[in-house]
Amino acid sequence: MKKLTLSILLLTMSVFCFAQDKQAILKVLHTQELAWNRGDIGDFMQGYWKSDSLLFVGKEAPTYGWQTTLDHYKKTYPDKAAMGQLAFNIIQVKVLDPKNAFVLGGWKLTREKDTPGGYFTLWFRKIDGKWKIVCDHTS
């Protein structure tokens, strides 16, 4: 009976922790959305792992590095008009274990002349107690 009670307690605790992790990941994405919509790419980038090992896969080719990703965003979106208003549609957040999570979502920019959009998959890793994007595949 003690084993069953302990198992139920551990399962309940892990479900609660995963729910907290999911909320923390959603907060990172919401914070990114707000930063983008203010025209602040620097704050937007705070959701990413600040490492040369950050992987970003876009339409052209995979690239590595936080600074490379920042430079790419600044080149592609040189001003607030080019950035437009970003809206995420989060389809799935799956916490895989205490340090890794997967996110599937859609993105849409609303700009004066167009509304580009697509989908993304993100690999989040908990680093120093904070959820950070370590791999971003955006189409």
Protein backbone atom coordinates (compact mmCIF):
# COMPACT_ATOMS: atom_id res chain seq x y z
CA MET A 1 0.00 0.00 0.00
CA LYS A 2 2.88 2.37 0.79
CA LYS A 3 4.32 1.83 -2.70
CA LEU A 4 1.00 2.65 -4.34
CA THR A 5 0.57 5.80 -2.26
CA LEU A 6 4.16 6.88 -3.02
CA SER A 7 3.64 6.19 -6.73
CA ILE A 8 0.46 8.25 -6.83
CA LEU A 9 2.17 11.08 -4.95
CA LEU A 10 5.13 11.09 -7.34
CA LEU A 11 2.87 10.99 -10.39
CA THR A 12 0.79 13.89 -9.06
CA MET A 13 3.93 15.92 -8.34
CA SER A 14 5.36 15.29 -11.82
CA VAL A 15 2.08 16.27 -13.51
CA PHE A 16 2.01 19.47 -11.45
CA CYS A 17 5.66 20.25 -12.28
CA PHE A 18 5.08 19.60 -16.00
CA ALA A 19 2.06 21.92 -15.91
CA GLN A 20 4.23 24.65 -14.35
CA ASP A 21 6.89 24.05 -17.00
CA LYS A 22 4.30 24.33 -19.77
CA GLN A 23 3.11 27.66 -18.34
CA ALA A 24 6.71 28.91 -18.12
CA ILE A 25 7.29 28.01 -21.79
CA LEU A 26 4.07 29.74 -22.85
CA LYS A 27 5.23 32.81 -20.91
CA VAL A 28 8.53 32.84 -22.86
CA LEU A 29 6.59 32.78 -26.13
CA HIS A 30 4.17 35.47 -24.99
CA THR A 31 7.08 37.67 -23.88
CA GLN A 32 8.67 37.18 -27.31
CA GLU A 33 5.43 38.16 -29.02
CA LEU A 34 5.17 41.34 -26.94
CA ALA A 35 8.81 42.27 -27.58
CA TRP A 36 8.42 41.74 -31.32
CA ASN A 37 5.30 43.87 -31.42
CA ARG A 38 7.20 46.67 -29.65
CA GLY A 39 9.85 46.42 -32.37
CA ASP A 40 12.44 45.13 -29.88
CA ILE A 41 14.37 42.29 -31.49
CA GLY A 42 16.90 42.36 -28.63
CA ASP A 43 14.22 41.52 -26.06
CA PHE A 44 12.66 39.00 -28.47
CA MET A 45 16.02 37.18 -28.56
CA GLN A 46 16.02 36.72 -24.77
CA GLY A 47 13.86 33.62 -25.30
CA TYR A 48 16.77 31.96 -27.11
CA TRP A 49 19.76 30.18 -25.62
CA LYS A 50 22.63 32.65 -25.74
CA SER A 51 25.13 30.17 -27.17
CA ASP A 52 27.11 29.48 -30.32
CA SER A 53 25.29 26.13 -30.34
CA LEU A 54 21.81 27.64 -30.82
CA LEU A 55 20.42 26.12 -34.03
CA PHE A 56 18.08 28.09 -36.27
CA VAL A 57 16.65 26.42 -39.36
CA GLY A 58 14.89 28.83 -41.71
CA LYS A 59 14.02 28.87 -45.39
CA GLU A 60 17.60 29.25 -46.58
CA ALA A 61 19.79 26.97 -44.47
CA PRO A 62 20.56 25.93 -40.89
CA THR A 63 22.65 28.44 -38.97
CA TYR A 64 24.31 28.26 -35.58
CA GLY A 65 24.72 30.82 -32.87
CA TRP A 66 22.72 33.35 -30.90
CA GLN A 67 24.53 36.31 -32.47
CA THR A 68 24.07 34.88 -35.98
CA THR A 69 20.34 34.51 -35.32
CA LEU A 70 20.11 38.07 -33.97
CA ASP A 71 21.99 39.41 -37.00
CA HIS A 72 19.66 37.48 -39.33
CA TYR A 73 16.56 38.92 -37.65
CA LYS A 74 17.96 42.46 -37.80
CA LYS A 75 18.82 42.09 -41.50
CA THR A 76 15.47 40.53 -42.43
CA TYR A 77 13.40 42.90 -40.27
CA PRO A 78 15.29 46.23 -40.31
CA ASP A 79 12.48 48.35 -38.87
CA LYS A 80 9.10 48.21 -37.16
CA ALA A 81 7.21 48.32 -40.48
CA ALA A 82 9.07 45.23 -41.72
CA MET A 83 8.44 43.50 -38.39
CA GLY A 84 4.71 44.17 -38.38
CA GLN A 85 2.57 42.65 -35.66
CA LEU A 86 3.37 39.07 -34.69
CA ALA A 87 0.77 36.56 -33.56
CA PHE A 88 1.59 33.04 -32.45
CA ASN A 89 -0.86 30.16 -32.58
CA ILE A 90 0.47 27.54 -30.20
CA ILE A 91 -0.72 24.13 -31.32
CA GLN A 92 1.14 21.91 -28.86
CA VAL A 93 3.50 22.20 -25.92
CA LYS A 94 4.85 18.84 -24.87
CA VAL A 95 7.13 18.69 -21.85
CA LEU A 96 9.24 15.62 -22.56
CA ASP A 97 11.13 15.46 -19.28
CA PRO A 98 12.24 17.92 -16.57
CA LYS A 99 14.75 19.61 -18.93
CA ASN A 100 13.34 19.27 -22.47
CA ALA A 101 10.16 20.35 -24.23
CA PHE A 102 8.80 20.49 -27.76
CA VAL A 103 6.55 23.23 -29.13
CA LEU A 104 4.59 23.22 -32.38
CA GLY A 105 2.94 26.41 -33.51
CA GLY A 106 2.04 28.82 -36.24
CA TRP A 107 3.11 32.41 -36.75
CA LYS A 108 1.61 35.32 -38.65
CA LEU A 109 2.85 38.82 -39.31
CA THR A 110 0.35 41.53 -40.05
CA ARG A 111 1.99 44.31 -42.04
CA GLU A 112 0.64 47.16 -44.12
CA LYS A 113 1.05 45.34 -47.46
CA ASP A 114 1.02 41.64 -46.59
CA THR A 115 0.42 38.96 -43.97
CA PRO A 116 3.16 36.33 -44.20
CA GLY A 117 3.00 33.31 -41.94
CA GLY A 118 4.03 29.74 -41.45
CA TYR A 119 4.78 27.14 -38.83
CA PHE A 120 7.54 26.47 -36.35
CA THR A 121 8.87 23.72 -34.16
CA LEU A 122 10.92 24.63 -31.13
CA TRP A 123 13.09 22.58 -28.84
CA PHE A 124 13.17 24.16 -25.40
CA ARG A 125 15.72 23.17 -22.79
CA LYS A 126 15.73 24.21 -19.15
CA ILE A 127 19.10 25.90 -18.60
CA ASP A 128 20.02 27.34 -15.22
CA GLY A 129 16.38 27.03 -14.18
CA LYS A 130 15.00 28.92 -17.20
CA TRP A 131 13.36 27.59 -20.35
CA LYS A 132 15.27 28.66 -23.47
CA ILE A 133 14.86 27.84 -27.16
CA VAL A 134 17.87 25.77 -28.24
CA CYS A 135 16.57 24.86 -31.70
CA ASP A 136 14.10 26.76 -33.88
CA HIS A 137 12.82 25.43 -37.20
CA THR A 138 10.61 28.06 -38.80
CA SER A 139 9.03 27.90 -42.24
